[in-house]
Amino acid sequence: MLSIEGKIALRIAVGAVALYGAVCFVRQNIVDYLFLRIEFVFFDYEKPSALVFGELLAIMTLWVLVGHLLWRGAKKFR
C-alpha cells in the first residue's frame, strides 16, 4: 500500500503525463483526423520512434484518465 506522499506523487505524475498528452493531442491536430477534415495521416519520419510512441502513450494516458474520472463521477449517481 502506498503512503499518502506516494499517492500524491503518483497523481501528480499521472496528471503531468495527461497534461502533456493534451498538448500533443492539440499539437498533432488529431481532432481534424477524427472528424475527417484531413483524409490522410502523415507521419513525421524525422522524429525518433521512441518520441512518437511516448507522445501516443501520453495521449492514451489522457483519455484513460478522462474515462476513469468520468467513471468515478458516474458511480456517485448510482
N, C-alpha and C. Protein backbone atom coordinates (compact mmCIF):
# COMPACT_ATOMS: atom_id res chain seq x y z
N MET A 1 0.84 -1.18 0.00
CA MET A 1 0.00 0.00 0.00
C MET A 1 0.89 1.25 0.00
N LEU A 2 0.51 2.20 -0.79
CA LEU A 2 1.28 3.43 -0.89
C LEU A 2 0.99 4.36 0.28
N SER A 3 1.98 5.12 0.63
CA SER A 3 1.76 6.14 1.65
C SER A 3 1.02 7.32 1.02
N ILE A 4 0.62 8.26 1.85
CA ILE A 4 -0.08 9.45 1.37
C ILE A 4 0.81 10.22 0.41
N GLU A 5 2.10 10.35 0.75
CA GLU A 5 3.02 11.07 -0.13
C GLU A 5 3.20 10.35 -1.46
N GLY A 6 3.22 9.03 -1.42
CA GLY A 6 3.35 8.25 -2.65
C GLY A 6 2.13 8.41 -3.55
N LYS A 7 0.94 8.42 -2.95
CA LYS A 7 -0.28 8.61 -3.72
C LYS A 7 -0.31 9.99 -4.36
N ILE A 8 0.10 10.99 -3.61
CA ILE A 8 0.12 12.36 -4.14
C ILE A 8 1.12 12.46 -5.29
N ALA A 9 2.31 11.86 -5.10
CA ALA A 9 3.33 11.90 -6.15
C ALA A 9 2.85 11.17 -7.41
N LEU A 10 2.18 10.03 -7.23
CA LEU A 10 1.67 9.28 -8.38
C LEU A 10 0.59 10.06 -9.11
N ARG A 11 -0.29 10.72 -8.37
CA ARG A 11 -1.35 11.52 -9.00
C ARG A 11 -0.76 12.71 -9.75
N ILE A 12 0.26 13.33 -9.19
CA ILE A 12 0.91 14.46 -9.87
C ILE A 12 1.59 13.97 -11.16
N ALA A 13 2.26 12.81 -11.09
CA ALA A 13 2.94 12.27 -12.26
C ALA A 13 1.94 11.91 -13.36
N VAL A 14 0.84 11.26 -13.00
CA VAL A 14 -0.17 10.91 -14.00
C VAL A 14 -0.81 12.18 -14.57
N GLY A 15 -1.05 13.17 -13.72
CA GLY A 15 -1.60 14.44 -14.20
C GLY A 15 -0.65 15.14 -15.16
N ALA A 16 0.63 15.09 -14.87
CA ALA A 16 1.61 15.73 -15.76
C ALA A 16 1.68 15.01 -17.11
N VAL A 17 1.65 13.68 -17.09
CA VAL A 17 1.67 12.93 -18.35
C VAL A 17 0.39 13.20 -19.14
N ALA A 18 -0.75 13.27 -18.45
CA ALA A 18 -2.02 13.56 -19.14
C ALA A 18 -2.02 14.98 -19.70
N LEU A 19 -1.44 15.92 -18.99
CA LEU A 19 -1.34 17.28 -19.49
C LEU A 19 -0.46 17.33 -20.74
N TYR A 20 0.65 16.60 -20.72
CA TYR A 20 1.50 16.51 -21.90
C TYR A 20 0.74 15.84 -23.05
N GLY A 21 -0.08 14.85 -22.72
CA GLY A 21 -0.91 14.20 -23.72
C GLY A 21 -1.90 15.16 -24.36
N ALA A 22 -2.46 16.05 -23.55
CA ALA A 22 -3.39 17.06 -24.10
C ALA A 22 -2.66 18.00 -25.04
N VAL A 23 -1.45 18.39 -24.68
CA VAL A 23 -0.65 19.26 -25.54
C VAL A 23 -0.34 18.55 -26.87
N CYS A 24 0.05 17.28 -26.79
CA CYS A 24 0.34 16.51 -28.01
C CYS A 24 -0.91 16.32 -28.85
N PHE A 25 -2.06 16.10 -28.20
CA PHE A 25 -3.33 15.91 -28.91
C PHE A 25 -3.66 17.15 -29.74
N VAL A 26 -3.48 18.32 -29.14
CA VAL A 26 -3.76 19.57 -29.85
C VAL A 26 -2.69 19.86 -30.91
N ARG A 27 -1.43 19.65 -30.55
CA ARG A 27 -0.33 19.98 -31.46
C ARG A 27 -0.34 19.09 -32.70
N GLN A 28 -0.72 17.82 -32.55
CA GLN A 28 -0.76 16.91 -33.69
C GLN A 28 -2.06 17.03 -34.48
N ASN A 29 -2.96 17.88 -34.02
CA ASN A 29 -4.20 18.18 -34.74
C ASN A 29 -5.03 16.93 -34.98
N ILE A 30 -5.17 16.11 -33.96
CA ILE A 30 -5.86 14.84 -34.09
C ILE A 30 -7.36 15.03 -34.27
N VAL A 31 -7.90 16.13 -33.81
CA VAL A 31 -9.34 16.38 -33.96
C VAL A 31 -9.73 16.42 -35.43
N ASP A 32 -8.88 16.99 -36.27
CA ASP A 32 -9.17 17.02 -37.70
C ASP A 32 -9.20 15.62 -38.31
N TYR A 33 -8.35 14.73 -37.81
CA TYR A 33 -8.38 13.35 -38.29
C TYR A 33 -9.64 12.63 -37.80
N LEU A 34 -10.06 12.93 -36.56
CA LEU A 34 -11.24 12.27 -36.02
C LEU A 34 -12.51 12.65 -36.77
N PHE A 35 -12.61 13.90 -37.19
CA PHE A 35 -13.80 14.36 -37.89
C PHE A 35 -13.62 14.40 -39.41
N LEU A 36 -12.60 13.70 -39.89
CA LEU A 36 -12.33 13.51 -41.32
C LEU A 36 -12.20 14.82 -42.10
N ARG A 37 -11.66 15.83 -41.46
CA ARG A 37 -11.34 17.06 -42.18
C ARG A 37 -10.03 16.89 -42.95
N ILE A 38 -9.19 15.97 -42.47
CA ILE A 38 -7.96 15.59 -43.15
C ILE A 38 -8.08 14.09 -43.43
N GLU A 39 -7.94 13.72 -44.69
CA GLU A 39 -8.20 12.33 -45.06
C GLU A 39 -7.02 11.40 -44.82
N PHE A 40 -5.83 11.90 -44.90
CA PHE A 40 -4.66 11.04 -44.81
C PHE A 40 -3.84 11.42 -43.58
N VAL A 41 -3.26 10.42 -42.96
CA VAL A 41 -2.37 10.64 -41.83
C VAL A 41 -0.95 10.71 -42.36
N PHE A 42 -0.27 11.78 -42.05
CA PHE A 42 1.11 11.95 -42.46
C PHE A 42 2.01 11.80 -41.25
N PHE A 43 2.94 10.90 -41.34
CA PHE A 43 3.86 10.67 -40.24
C PHE A 43 5.11 11.51 -40.43
N ASP A 44 5.66 11.98 -39.33
CA ASP A 44 6.90 12.74 -39.35
C ASP A 44 8.05 11.76 -39.20
N TYR A 45 8.73 11.47 -40.30
CA TYR A 45 9.81 10.49 -40.27
C TYR A 45 11.11 11.08 -39.71
N GLU A 46 11.12 12.36 -39.44
CA GLU A 46 12.30 12.99 -38.84
C GLU A 46 12.34 12.78 -37.33
N LYS A 47 11.19 12.49 -36.72
CA LYS A 47 11.11 12.28 -35.27
C LYS A 47 11.57 10.88 -34.92
N PRO A 48 12.27 10.74 -33.81
CA PRO A 48 12.64 9.39 -33.36
C PRO A 48 11.38 8.59 -32.97
N SER A 49 11.43 7.30 -33.25
CA SER A 49 10.24 6.48 -32.99
C SER A 49 9.89 6.42 -31.51
N ALA A 50 10.89 6.48 -30.63
CA ALA A 50 10.61 6.47 -29.20
C ALA A 50 9.81 7.70 -28.79
N LEU A 51 10.09 8.85 -29.39
CA LEU A 51 9.35 10.07 -29.09
C LEU A 51 7.91 9.97 -29.59
N VAL A 52 7.73 9.39 -30.77
CA VAL A 52 6.38 9.22 -31.31
C VAL A 52 5.57 8.31 -30.41
N PHE A 53 6.14 7.18 -30.00
CA PHE A 53 5.43 6.26 -29.12
C PHE A 53 5.17 6.89 -27.76
N GLY A 54 6.11 7.68 -27.26
CA GLY A 54 5.90 8.37 -25.98
C GLY A 54 4.76 9.36 -26.05
N GLU A 55 4.67 10.10 -27.15
CA GLU A 55 3.58 11.05 -27.31
C GLU A 55 2.24 10.33 -27.42
N LEU A 56 2.21 9.22 -28.17
CA LEU A 56 0.97 8.46 -28.29
C LEU A 56 0.57 7.84 -26.95
N LEU A 57 1.54 7.41 -26.17
CA LEU A 57 1.25 6.88 -24.84
C LEU A 57 0.72 7.97 -23.92
N ALA A 58 1.24 9.18 -24.03
CA ALA A 58 0.74 10.30 -23.23
C ALA A 58 -0.69 10.65 -23.62
N ILE A 59 -0.99 10.62 -24.91
CA ILE A 59 -2.36 10.89 -25.37
C ILE A 59 -3.30 9.81 -24.84
N MET A 60 -2.85 8.55 -24.89
CA MET A 60 -3.67 7.47 -24.38
C MET A 60 -3.88 7.63 -22.87
N THR A 61 -2.86 8.06 -22.14
CA THR A 61 -2.98 8.30 -20.71
C THR A 61 -4.01 9.38 -20.43
N LEU A 62 -4.04 10.41 -21.26
CA LEU A 62 -5.03 11.47 -21.11
C LEU A 62 -6.43 10.90 -21.17
N TRP A 63 -6.73 10.11 -22.19
CA TRP A 63 -8.10 9.61 -22.36
C TRP A 63 -8.45 8.52 -21.37
N VAL A 64 -7.47 7.75 -20.91
CA VAL A 64 -7.72 6.78 -19.84
C VAL A 64 -8.07 7.52 -18.55
N LEU A 65 -7.36 8.60 -18.27
CA LEU A 65 -7.65 9.39 -17.07
C LEU A 65 -9.03 10.04 -17.17
N VAL A 66 -9.38 10.57 -18.33
CA VAL A 66 -10.70 11.16 -18.51
C VAL A 66 -11.78 10.11 -18.30
N GLY A 67 -11.60 8.93 -18.87
CA GLY A 67 -12.57 7.85 -18.69
C GLY A 67 -12.68 7.41 -17.25
N HIS A 68 -11.54 7.33 -16.56
CA HIS A 68 -11.55 6.95 -15.15
C HIS A 68 -12.29 7.97 -14.30
N LEU A 69 -12.02 9.25 -14.55
CA LEU A 69 -12.69 10.28 -13.77
C LEU A 69 -14.19 10.33 -14.06
N LEU A 70 -14.56 10.10 -15.31
CA LEU A 70 -15.99 10.05 -15.64
C LEU A 70 -16.66 8.85 -14.97
N TRP A 71 -15.97 7.71 -14.93
CA TRP A 71 -16.50 6.53 -14.28
C TRP A 71 -16.68 6.77 -12.78
N ARG A 72 -15.69 7.38 -12.15
CA ARG A 72 -15.82 7.68 -10.72
C ARG A 72 -16.95 8.65 -10.46
N GLY A 73 -17.13 9.64 -11.35
CA GLY A 73 -18.22 10.58 -11.20
C GLY A 73 -19.57 9.93 -11.40
N ALA A 74 -19.65 8.99 -12.34
CA ALA A 74 -20.92 8.31 -12.61
C ALA A 74 -21.31 7.37 -11.47
N LYS A 75 -20.31 6.81 -10.80
CA LYS A 75 -20.60 5.91 -9.68
C LYS A 75 -21.26 6.64 -8.52
N LYS A 76 -21.03 7.93 -8.41
CA LYS A 76 -21.64 8.70 -7.32
C LYS A 76 -23.14 8.87 -7.51
N PHE A 77 -23.61 8.74 -8.75
CA PHE A 77 -25.03 8.95 -9.04
C PHE A 77 -25.84 7.67 -8.97
N ARG A 78 -25.24 6.55 -8.63
CA ARG A 78 -25.97 5.30 -8.54
C ARG A 78 -26.76 5.21 -7.28
